[in-house]
Amino acid sequence: MGFIEKFDLWTERQRDAARAVLARVEEDGLRSVRVSFVDQHGLLRGKTIPTGGLAAAFRSGLTCVSTLLSKDTSGTTVFAAFNADGGLGVAEMAGAADVVMVPDPTTFHPLPWADGTARVLCDLRFQNGEPVPFCSRGVFRAALDRAATAGYDYLTGLEIEFHLYRRAEHLPNADGIGRCTHPTPVEPINQGNQLLSEDRADEMEPVTRRFREALDRMGIGPRSIETEYGANQLELTLDPAVGLASADAMVLLRSAIKQLARRHGYHATFMCRPGIPDSKASGWHLHQSLLSIGAGGGGNVFVPGDGEGPLSPAGRRFVAGQLAHARGACVFANPTVNGYKRFQSYSMAPDRVGWGRDNRGAMIRLVGAAEDGSTHVENRVGESAANPYLYMAAQLHSGLIGLDEELELPPSVDDPYTAAAPRLPANLSEAVDALAADAGLARALGERFVAYYVAIKRAEIARFERTVTDWEQREYFDLF
């Protein structure tokens, strides 16, 4: 009996998918599989195995070192991993012990740019079969389970912006591997503002076509790809999906675009605001609604009835919860120091907590129509580098708190940049402090997880504050 069967970790759907995957591997002549989990920063970590080892991985998973969960964005381990509790109050992580990557065969897909290679996403378990509380996918799944208990599915649609540059001095060796330089030296593809420019879109079409075709073959085909406001900036949108599917798609989308770009002499970055002339801040707009489940379910809970205004009572409470916990949830939507440079007045990004009807300056934009059942909310707070599982989990929990506590929705902000509304955190440090002070959100996400995440982010902030920036050098070097 393998680890997965011993602890009954798969659903019947996953068992059926595993059988289908093993048959497909042989039929398609696949030779290797990347077995990966998503870390606390939304990045893929894992191992590559020959396809001959996939059946064993489907029985017992693969082990990996638990310190991968103890690292900040520099790869520095910020907890005392060799303490008896792994530095995290968790005995199962003592001494940098292994955790188990448990594949989810429903996520299996070939990688169109890597010949004979596929990938499967994993959840993390301790060796006693218990969930690892710091597993991003598990955190989001817990939020989805809470919604399901309340009678709801969570439907999300994604719009994400990113920058695409040419790699400078890209001199690959015989295997096509370029020179390693950090940060990657790049050259712009175009200059100036270019919002929805067909000419600029055509200029980048040879590479965006590769993105579209690869994503189509992975089953996450984009709804649209368009030129965004800033030079070298693109936006990609996906059709709405329920549950984990949207978060999984976002991880795979970002990975695919970065890897495809690199293989063709480009550099794609989901960093919010690159320090390159004409660059604009990249956001991630999260479209959300709740669907009823159970007998006769599937209906959009946000659609108002007669006389209820633009949003149903349940929708108003959901939005009220997201507003009430917006400052505490902000660090999950904007997890980097750089992301807070996006919160500028009159920039089509929010700078305070509020909602408005079809208003792109508001943090939450109410869109859609009751007539066709499309009423939903677009939260515009996030940056493109956000971990999708944590971003969505925090938003879903916040909305469910609003439903549970029957919170009242405040008036809309028709002038979102001058409204007397709470300001969003001005920097990462303020956002981390807001999360640490939000007891309701901590209870929902798990107090141990929140303490863990706060500690990682404070370690990143401390490193940043010790670093001499280019601005300081320019400002003070000659002056004093």
Protein backbone atom coordinates (compact mmCIF):
# COMPACT_ATOMS: atom_id res chain seq x y z
CA MET A 1 0.00 0.00 0.00
CA GLY A 2 1.45 3.36 -1.03
CA PHE A 3 1.40 6.62 0.89
CA ILE A 4 -1.55 8.04 -1.06
CA GLU A 5 -3.75 4.98 -0.56
CA LYS A 6 -2.65 4.53 3.06
CA PHE A 7 -3.89 7.99 4.02
CA ASP A 8 -6.77 8.07 1.50
CA LEU A 9 -5.51 11.31 -0.08
CA TRP A 10 -7.21 11.10 -3.49
CA THR A 11 -10.80 11.45 -4.57
CA GLU A 12 -12.35 9.00 -7.02
CA ARG A 13 -11.95 11.65 -9.72
CA GLN A 14 -8.21 11.81 -9.03
CA ARG A 15 -7.89 8.02 -9.13
CA ASP A 16 -9.66 7.93 -12.50
CA ALA A 17 -7.42 10.74 -13.75
CA ALA A 18 -4.28 8.88 -12.64
CA ARG A 19 -5.23 5.82 -14.69
CA ALA A 20 -5.93 8.01 -17.72
CA VAL A 21 -2.61 9.84 -17.31
CA LEU A 22 -0.57 6.64 -17.17
CA ALA A 23 -2.22 5.44 -20.38
CA ARG A 24 -1.67 8.80 -22.06
CA VAL A 25 2.02 8.93 -21.13
CA GLU A 26 2.61 5.71 -23.03
CA GLU A 27 0.43 6.68 -26.00
CA ASP A 28 2.03 10.14 -26.40
CA GLY A 29 5.60 8.93 -25.94
CA LEU A 30 6.31 11.31 -23.06
CA ARG A 31 9.71 10.80 -21.45
CA SER A 32 9.80 12.99 -18.34
CA VAL A 33 7.46 14.68 -15.87
CA ARG A 34 8.01 17.77 -13.75
CA VAL A 35 6.44 17.05 -10.36
CA SER A 36 5.93 20.46 -8.78
CA PHE A 37 4.28 22.27 -5.89
CA VAL A 38 3.62 26.00 -5.55
CA ASP A 39 5.62 27.67 -2.79
CA GLN A 40 4.65 30.56 -0.53
CA HIS A 41 5.66 33.07 -3.23
CA GLY A 42 3.56 31.47 -5.97
CA LEU A 43 6.60 29.88 -7.63
CA LEU A 44 6.89 26.30 -8.84
CA ARG A 45 9.32 24.01 -6.97
CA GLY A 46 9.83 20.33 -7.61
CA LYS A 47 11.67 17.51 -9.33
CA THR A 48 11.82 16.01 -12.82
CA ILE A 49 11.37 12.25 -13.07
CA PRO A 50 11.34 9.82 -16.01
CA THR A 51 7.83 8.76 -16.96
CA GLY A 52 8.74 5.23 -15.85
CA GLY A 53 8.67 6.56 -12.29
CA LEU A 54 5.28 8.25 -12.56
CA ALA A 55 3.27 5.21 -11.39
CA ALA A 56 5.38 5.08 -8.22
CA ALA A 57 4.89 8.82 -7.70
CA PHE A 58 1.15 8.25 -8.09
CA ARG A 59 1.35 5.63 -5.34
CA SER A 60 3.56 7.36 -2.79
CA GLY A 61 4.33 10.89 -3.94
CA LEU A 62 7.83 12.36 -3.88
CA THR A 63 9.68 13.79 -0.92
CA CYS A 64 11.29 17.24 -0.81
CA VAL A 65 13.05 19.21 1.90
CA SER A 66 10.69 21.17 4.16
CA THR A 67 13.01 24.21 4.27
CA LEU A 68 11.63 25.21 0.87
CA LEU A 69 8.72 26.57 2.91
CA SER A 70 11.04 28.56 5.18
CA LYS A 71 12.57 30.85 2.54
CA ASP A 72 11.93 34.44 1.56
CA THR A 73 12.08 35.73 -2.02
CA SER A 74 15.91 35.66 -2.01
CA GLY A 75 15.96 31.94 -1.17
CA THR A 76 17.25 32.73 2.31
CA THR A 77 15.97 30.42 5.06
CA VAL A 78 14.46 32.74 7.65
CA PHE A 79 13.42 30.19 10.29
CA ALA A 80 15.60 28.03 12.54
CA ALA A 81 15.12 24.87 10.50
CA PHE A 82 17.26 22.65 12.77
CA ASN A 83 15.33 23.44 15.94
CA ALA A 84 13.08 20.75 17.39
CA ASP A 85 10.06 22.50 15.86
CA GLY A 86 11.71 23.53 12.60
CA GLY A 87 11.54 27.13 13.80
CA LEU A 88 7.84 27.16 12.97
CA GLY A 89 6.32 25.37 15.93
CA VAL A 90 5.85 22.23 13.83
CA ALA A 91 7.62 19.09 15.04
CA GLU A 92 7.22 17.40 11.64
CA MET A 93 9.64 19.98 10.17
CA ALA A 94 12.43 19.50 12.74
CA GLY A 95 15.92 19.14 11.33
CA ALA A 96 14.89 20.20 7.81
CA ALA A 97 12.84 17.00 7.53
CA ASP A 98 11.17 15.92 4.31
CA VAL A 99 7.59 16.60 3.37
CA VAL A 100 5.71 14.67 0.67
CA MET A 101 4.61 16.14 -2.66
CA VAL A 102 1.32 14.39 -3.46
CA PRO A 103 0.54 14.69 -7.19
CA ASP A 104 -2.90 15.82 -8.29
CA PRO A 105 -3.34 13.88 -11.56
CA THR A 106 -6.21 16.15 -12.65
CA THR A 107 -3.57 18.87 -13.25
CA PHE A 108 -1.38 16.76 -15.56
CA HIS A 109 -0.52 18.42 -18.89
CA PRO A 110 2.28 18.19 -21.49
CA LEU A 111 4.59 21.21 -21.85
CA PRO A 112 4.46 22.24 -25.53
CA TRP A 113 7.86 23.98 -25.39
CA ALA A 114 9.73 21.11 -23.65
CA ASP A 115 9.93 18.08 -25.94
CA GLY A 116 8.55 14.89 -24.40
CA THR A 117 7.92 16.59 -21.05
CA ALA A 118 4.79 17.03 -18.94
CA ARG A 119 4.01 18.57 -15.56
CA VAL A 120 1.75 17.70 -12.65
CA LEU A 121 0.95 19.93 -9.66
CA CYS A 122 1.12 18.64 -6.09
CA ASP A 123 -0.23 19.24 -2.62
CA LEU A 124 2.07 18.97 0.41
CA ARG A 125 1.64 16.47 3.23
CA PHE A 126 3.69 15.58 6.27
CA GLN A 127 4.97 12.03 6.44
CA ASN A 128 2.15 11.19 8.87
CA GLY A 129 -0.35 12.07 6.12
CA GLU A 130 -1.47 15.36 7.68
CA PRO A 131 -1.74 18.48 5.49
CA VAL A 132 1.20 20.89 5.64
CA PRO A 133 -0.41 24.10 6.96
CA PHE A 134 1.91 26.30 4.88
CA CYS A 135 0.95 24.74 1.52
CA SER A 136 -0.55 27.54 -0.60
CA ARG A 137 -2.84 25.20 -2.52
CA GLY A 138 -4.08 23.75 0.75
CA VAL A 139 -4.81 27.23 2.16
CA PHE A 140 -7.01 28.03 -0.82
CA ARG A 141 -8.69 24.63 -0.72
CA ALA A 142 -9.67 25.28 2.92
CA ALA A 143 -11.32 28.54 1.86
CA LEU A 144 -13.18 26.74 -0.94
CA ASP A 145 -14.33 24.07 1.52
CA ARG A 146 -15.67 26.79 3.81
CA ALA A 147 -17.58 28.32 0.90
CA ALA A 148 -18.97 24.90 -0.08
CA THR A 149 -20.17 24.31 3.48
CA ALA A 150 -22.04 27.60 3.23
CA GLY A 151 -23.56 26.46 -0.08
CA TYR A 152 -21.35 28.30 -2.57
CA ASP A 153 -18.87 27.72 -5.36
CA TYR A 154 -16.31 30.47 -6.01
CA LEU A 155 -16.15 31.61 -9.64
CA THR A 156 -13.19 33.75 -10.71
CA GLY A 157 -11.99 35.30 -13.94
CA LEU A 158 -8.46 36.63 -14.35
CA GLU A 159 -6.89 39.63 -16.04
CA ILE A 160 -3.13 39.87 -15.62
CA GLU A 161 -0.59 42.36 -16.96
CA PHE A 162 3.11 41.78 -17.58
CA HIS A 163 6.08 43.21 -19.46
CA LEU A 164 7.94 41.59 -22.33
CA TYR A 165 11.46 42.64 -23.37
CA ARG A 166 14.19 41.33 -25.64
CA ARG A 167 17.06 39.69 -23.78
CA ALA A 168 20.18 41.77 -24.40
CA GLU A 169 23.44 40.02 -25.21
CA HIS A 170 21.53 36.76 -25.59
CA LEU A 171 24.38 34.47 -26.71
CA PRO A 172 23.17 30.90 -26.23
CA ASN A 173 25.57 27.98 -26.22
CA ALA A 174 25.13 24.88 -28.33
CA ASP A 175 22.25 23.72 -26.13
CA GLY A 176 20.45 27.05 -26.46
CA ILE A 177 21.27 28.14 -22.88
CA GLY A 178 22.03 31.83 -22.60
CA ARG A 179 24.44 33.68 -20.35
CA CYS A 180 23.32 33.98 -16.71
CA THR A 181 23.25 37.60 -15.52
CA HIS A 182 21.24 39.09 -12.66
CA PRO A 183 19.11 41.06 -13.14
CA THR A 184 18.53 39.94 -16.70
CA PRO A 185 19.82 42.62 -19.14
CA VAL A 186 17.00 43.55 -21.50
CA GLU A 187 16.23 45.85 -24.40
CA PRO A 188 12.81 47.43 -25.05
CA ILE A 189 10.65 46.24 -27.91
CA ASN A 190 8.80 49.56 -28.18
CA GLN A 191 8.45 52.95 -26.49
CA GLY A 192 5.70 55.22 -25.27
CA ASN A 193 2.11 54.62 -24.32
CA GLN A 194 0.41 51.98 -26.44
CA LEU A 195 -2.99 51.07 -24.99
CA LEU A 196 -4.79 48.69 -27.38
CA SER A 197 -2.55 49.72 -30.27
CA GLU A 198 -3.10 47.27 -33.12
CA ASP A 199 0.24 48.23 -34.64
CA ARG A 200 2.11 47.43 -31.41
CA ALA A 201 0.14 44.20 -31.05
CA ASP A 202 1.21 43.19 -34.55
CA GLU A 203 4.82 44.01 -33.68
CA MET A 204 4.73 41.51 -30.82
CA GLU A 205 2.44 38.98 -32.53
CA PRO A 206 5.19 36.48 -33.41
CA VAL A 207 5.91 35.87 -29.74
CA THR A 208 2.37 36.36 -28.38
CA ARG A 209 1.19 33.76 -30.90
CA ARG A 210 3.60 31.28 -29.30
CA PHE A 211 2.10 32.11 -25.89
CA ARG A 212 -1.45 31.62 -27.15
CA GLU A 213 -0.75 28.36 -28.94
CA ALA A 214 1.09 26.85 -25.96
CA LEU A 215 -1.60 27.86 -23.49
CA ASP A 216 -4.30 26.47 -25.80
CA ARG A 217 -2.50 23.11 -25.87
CA MET A 218 -2.30 23.16 -22.07
CA GLY A 219 -6.06 23.62 -21.79
CA ILE A 220 -5.90 27.18 -20.44
CA GLY A 221 -6.33 29.12 -23.66
CA PRO A 222 -6.50 32.88 -23.22
CA ARG A 223 -9.68 34.81 -23.80
CA SER A 224 -7.64 37.75 -25.13
CA ILE A 225 -4.09 39.09 -25.41
CA GLU A 226 -3.75 42.84 -25.83
CA THR A 227 -1.24 45.64 -25.61
CA GLU A 228 -1.54 47.50 -22.33
CA TYR A 229 -0.84 51.13 -21.45
CA GLY A 230 2.91 51.02 -20.88
CA ALA A 231 5.66 50.29 -23.35
CA ASN A 232 6.41 46.55 -23.65
CA GLN A 233 3.33 45.80 -21.53
CA LEU A 234 0.71 43.16 -22.34
CA GLU A 235 -2.51 41.99 -20.71
CA LEU A 236 -3.85 38.46 -20.89
CA THR A 237 -7.33 37.40 -19.77
CA LEU A 238 -8.82 33.98 -19.03
CA ASP A 239 -12.39 32.73 -19.03
CA PRO A 240 -13.98 32.31 -15.59
CA ALA A 241 -13.40 29.02 -13.77
CA VAL A 242 -14.59 27.51 -10.50
CA GLY A 243 -12.46 26.67 -7.48
CA LEU A 244 -8.81 25.70 -7.73
CA ALA A 245 -8.86 25.77 -11.53
CA SER A 246 -8.29 29.54 -11.82
CA ALA A 247 -5.38 29.56 -9.38
CA ASP A 248 -3.80 26.52 -11.05
CA ALA A 249 -4.21 28.21 -14.43
CA MET A 250 -2.52 31.40 -13.23
CA VAL A 251 0.52 29.52 -11.93
CA LEU A 252 0.83 27.57 -15.16
CA LEU A 253 0.24 30.66 -17.31
CA ARG A 254 3.02 32.67 -15.65
CA SER A 255 5.41 29.71 -15.81
CA ALA A 256 4.62 29.04 -19.47
CA ILE A 257 5.06 32.66 -20.54
CA LYS A 258 8.38 33.07 -18.72
CA GLN A 259 9.80 29.80 -20.03
CA LEU A 260 8.60 30.29 -23.59
CA ALA A 261 9.92 33.86 -23.66
CA ARG A 262 13.34 32.79 -22.40
CA ARG A 263 13.65 30.03 -25.01
CA HIS A 264 13.03 32.54 -27.81
CA GLY A 265 15.36 35.31 -26.66
CA TYR A 266 12.83 37.37 -24.67
CA HIS A 267 12.35 38.12 -20.98
CA ALA A 268 8.84 38.21 -19.50
CA THR A 269 8.42 39.70 -16.05
CA PHE A 270 5.42 39.81 -13.74
CA MET A 271 7.24 42.25 -11.45
CA CYS A 272 4.78 45.06 -10.77
CA ARG A 273 6.82 48.08 -11.87
CA PRO A 274 10.15 47.46 -13.61
CA GLY A 275 12.75 50.21 -13.33
CA ILE A 276 12.88 50.66 -17.11
CA PRO A 277 11.82 53.86 -18.95
CA ASP A 278 8.16 53.98 -20.06
CA SER A 279 7.24 51.02 -17.85
CA LYS A 280 3.88 51.19 -16.10
CA ALA A 281 2.68 49.23 -13.10
CA SER A 282 1.21 45.80 -13.85
CA GLY A 283 -1.93 44.74 -11.99
CA TRP A 284 -3.96 41.59 -11.59
CA HIS A 285 -7.72 42.18 -11.61
CA LEU A 286 -9.70 39.42 -9.94
CA HIS A 287 -13.30 39.01 -11.16
CA GLN A 288 -15.45 37.17 -8.61
CA SER A 289 -18.91 35.82 -7.97
CA LEU A 290 -20.50 33.09 -5.89
CA LEU A 291 -22.58 30.30 -7.40
CA SER A 292 -25.19 28.41 -5.41
CA ILE A 293 -24.66 24.67 -5.08
CA GLY A 294 -27.02 21.88 -4.16
CA ALA A 295 -30.44 21.12 -5.61
CA GLY A 296 -31.17 23.53 -8.43
CA GLY A 297 -27.80 25.19 -7.89
CA GLY A 298 -25.45 26.92 -10.26
CA GLY A 299 -27.10 30.32 -10.12
CA ASN A 300 -25.12 33.51 -9.62
CA VAL A 301 -25.77 34.59 -6.04
CA PHE A 302 -24.78 38.21 -6.82
CA VAL A 303 -27.60 38.79 -9.30
CA PRO A 304 -30.17 41.10 -7.68
CA GLY A 305 -33.88 40.50 -7.60
CA ASP A 306 -36.50 43.12 -8.38
CA GLY A 307 -36.02 46.24 -6.29
CA GLU A 308 -32.72 45.12 -4.78
CA GLY A 309 -30.54 47.57 -6.69
CA PRO A 310 -27.43 46.62 -8.66
CA LEU A 311 -26.30 43.85 -6.30
CA SER A 312 -28.11 41.18 -4.29
CA PRO A 313 -28.10 41.27 -0.47
CA ALA A 314 -25.63 38.36 -0.41
CA GLY A 315 -23.43 40.20 -2.91
CA ARG A 316 -23.52 43.38 -0.81
CA ARG A 317 -22.42 41.48 2.30
CA PHE A 318 -19.67 39.70 0.38
CA VAL A 319 -18.28 43.00 -0.91
CA ALA A 320 -18.67 44.57 2.54
CA GLY A 321 -16.48 41.79 3.94
CA GLN A 322 -13.81 42.39 1.32
CA LEU A 323 -13.82 46.10 2.14
CA ALA A 324 -13.70 45.48 5.90
CA HIS A 325 -10.65 43.24 5.54
CA ALA A 326 -9.05 44.98 2.54
CA ARG A 327 -6.06 46.30 4.46
CA GLY A 328 -5.39 42.97 6.16
CA ALA A 329 -5.74 41.03 2.90
CA CYS A 330 -3.62 43.50 0.93
CA VAL A 331 -0.31 41.74 1.60
CA PHE A 332 -1.57 38.61 -0.19
CA ALA A 333 -2.64 40.67 -3.22
CA ASN A 334 0.57 42.73 -3.13
CA PRO A 335 3.31 40.60 -1.58
CA THR A 336 6.35 42.56 -2.84
CA VAL A 337 8.06 45.81 -1.87
CA ASN A 338 7.72 46.91 -5.47
CA GLY A 339 3.95 46.32 -5.68
CA TYR A 340 3.03 49.34 -3.55
CA LYS A 341 4.43 51.72 -6.16
CA ARG A 342 1.29 50.89 -8.13
CA PHE A 343 -1.12 52.61 -5.70
CA GLN A 344 -1.08 56.02 -7.40
CA SER A 345 -3.97 58.49 -7.62
CA TYR A 346 -5.65 58.75 -11.03
CA SER A 347 -3.71 55.78 -12.34
CA MET A 348 -6.54 53.26 -12.89
CA ALA A 349 -5.22 51.50 -9.80
CA PRO A 350 -6.85 52.05 -6.39
CA ASP A 351 -5.27 53.99 -3.56
CA ARG A 352 -8.02 53.54 -0.96
CA VAL A 353 -10.72 51.12 0.17
CA GLY A 354 -14.01 51.56 -1.64
CA TRP A 355 -16.34 50.25 -4.31
CA GLY A 356 -18.03 51.80 -7.31
CA ARG A 357 -20.26 50.79 -10.17
CA ASP A 358 -18.16 50.35 -13.35
CA ASN A 359 -15.48 52.65 -11.91
CA ARG A 360 -11.90 51.60 -12.66
CA GLY A 361 -10.50 53.90 -9.98
CA ALA A 362 -12.28 52.03 -7.19
CA MET A 363 -10.72 49.05 -5.44
CA ILE A 364 -13.85 46.99 -6.13
CA ARG A 365 -15.68 47.61 -9.40
CA LEU A 366 -19.21 46.29 -9.78
CA VAL A 367 -19.77 45.05 -13.34
CA GLY A 368 -22.18 42.91 -15.32
CA ALA A 369 -25.96 42.99 -15.56
CA ALA A 370 -28.84 41.24 -13.87
CA GLU A 371 -30.55 40.73 -17.24
CA ASP A 372 -28.00 38.17 -18.41
CA GLY A 373 -26.95 36.92 -14.97
CA SER A 374 -23.42 38.33 -15.28
CA THR A 375 -23.39 40.54 -12.17
CA HIS A 376 -20.03 40.22 -10.44
CA VAL A 377 -17.29 42.23 -8.76
CA GLU A 378 -13.79 43.00 -10.00
CA ASN A 379 -11.22 43.52 -7.25
CA ARG A 380 -8.47 45.71 -8.73
CA VAL A 381 -6.12 45.66 -5.75
CA GLY A 382 -3.67 42.93 -6.81
CA GLU A 383 -0.25 43.03 -8.46
CA SER A 384 0.80 40.49 -11.07
CA ALA A 385 3.34 38.81 -8.79
CA ALA A 386 0.73 37.69 -6.23
CA ASN A 387 0.53 34.04 -5.19
CA PRO A 388 -2.86 33.15 -6.75
CA TYR A 389 -3.88 30.68 -4.04
CA LEU A 390 -3.23 33.15 -1.22
CA TYR A 391 -4.70 36.14 -3.08
CA MET A 392 -7.92 34.25 -3.80
CA ALA A 393 -8.09 32.59 -0.38
CA ALA A 394 -7.84 35.96 1.39
CA GLN A 395 -10.50 37.51 -0.84
CA LEU A 396 -12.86 34.56 -0.47
CA HIS A 397 -12.48 34.41 3.31
CA SER A 398 -13.04 38.17 3.57
CA GLY A 399 -16.24 37.93 1.56
CA LEU A 400 -17.49 34.96 3.59
CA ILE A 401 -16.84 36.89 6.82
CA GLY A 402 -19.08 39.60 5.40
CA LEU A 403 -21.81 37.03 4.77
CA ASP A 404 -21.44 35.39 8.19
CA GLU A 405 -21.49 38.71 10.03
CA GLU A 406 -24.14 40.27 7.75
CA LEU A 407 -21.98 43.34 7.20
CA GLU A 408 -23.57 46.41 5.65
CA LEU A 409 -22.13 47.70 2.39
CA PRO A 410 -21.07 51.36 2.67
CA PRO A 411 -22.08 53.87 -0.01
CA SER A 412 -20.26 53.68 -3.34
CA VAL A 413 -17.34 56.00 -4.03
CA ASP A 414 -18.11 57.97 -7.18
CA ASP A 415 -14.86 59.94 -6.83
CA PRO A 416 -12.54 57.15 -5.70
CA TYR A 417 -9.36 59.24 -5.44
CA THR A 418 -10.87 61.93 -3.22
CA ALA A 419 -13.40 59.91 -1.21
CA ALA A 420 -13.21 59.93 2.58
CA ALA A 421 -12.31 56.24 2.68
CA PRO A 422 -9.50 54.33 4.40
CA ARG A 423 -6.25 54.34 2.44
CA LEU A 424 -4.70 51.12 1.24
CA PRO A 425 -1.35 50.34 2.86
CA ALA A 426 1.37 52.63 1.52
CA ASN A 427 4.08 49.98 1.62
CA LEU A 428 4.72 46.32 2.35
CA SER A 429 5.57 46.96 6.00
CA GLU A 430 2.23 48.69 6.60
CA ALA A 431 0.41 45.86 4.83
CA VAL A 432 2.10 43.20 6.96
CA ASP A 433 1.18 45.11 10.11
CA ALA A 434 -2.43 45.34 8.89
CA LEU A 435 -2.57 41.57 8.43
CA ALA A 436 -1.04 40.97 11.86
CA ALA A 437 -3.76 43.18 13.38
CA ASP A 438 -6.69 41.54 11.53
CA ALA A 439 -7.86 38.89 14.00
CA GLY A 440 -10.87 37.86 11.91
CA LEU A 441 -8.82 37.18 8.81
CA ALA A 442 -6.19 35.36 10.88
CA ARG A 443 -8.86 33.04 12.30
CA ALA A 444 -10.16 32.33 8.82
CA LEU A 445 -6.77 31.67 7.21
CA GLY A 446 -5.32 29.98 10.29
CA GLU A 447 -3.37 31.86 12.94
CA ARG A 448 -0.30 29.65 12.51
CA PHE A 449 -0.24 30.30 8.77
CA VAL A 450 -0.66 34.06 9.22
CA ALA A 451 2.15 34.21 11.81
CA TYR A 452 4.36 32.25 9.40
CA TYR A 453 3.60 34.53 6.46
CA VAL A 454 4.08 37.69 8.51
CA ALA A 455 7.50 36.44 9.64
CA ILE A 456 8.63 35.71 6.07
CA LYS A 457 7.53 39.12 4.84
CA ARG A 458 9.16 40.93 7.75
CA ALA A 459 12.41 39.16 6.92
CA GLU A 460 12.16 40.44 3.33
CA ILE A 461 11.42 43.96 4.56
CA ALA A 462 14.44 43.85 6.89
CA ARG A 463 16.70 42.85 3.97
CA PHE A 464 15.30 45.68 1.86
CA GLU A 465 15.82 48.25 4.59
CA ARG A 466 19.46 47.20 4.94
CA THR A 467 20.08 47.66 1.20
CA VAL A 468 21.44 50.89 -0.29
CA THR A 469 19.14 51.75 -3.20
CA ASP A 470 19.94 53.53 -6.46
CA TRP A 471 17.79 56.44 -5.28
CA GLU A 472 19.88 56.90 -2.13
CA GLN A 473 23.09 56.80 -4.15
CA ARG A 474 21.84 59.45 -6.59
CA GLU A 475 20.32 61.63 -3.87
CA TYR A 476 23.11 61.74 -1.31
CA PHE A 477 26.45 60.64 -2.83
CA ASP A 478 27.35 64.07 -4.26
CA LEU A 479 25.11 66.18 -2.02
CA PHE A 480 26.85 65.30 1.22
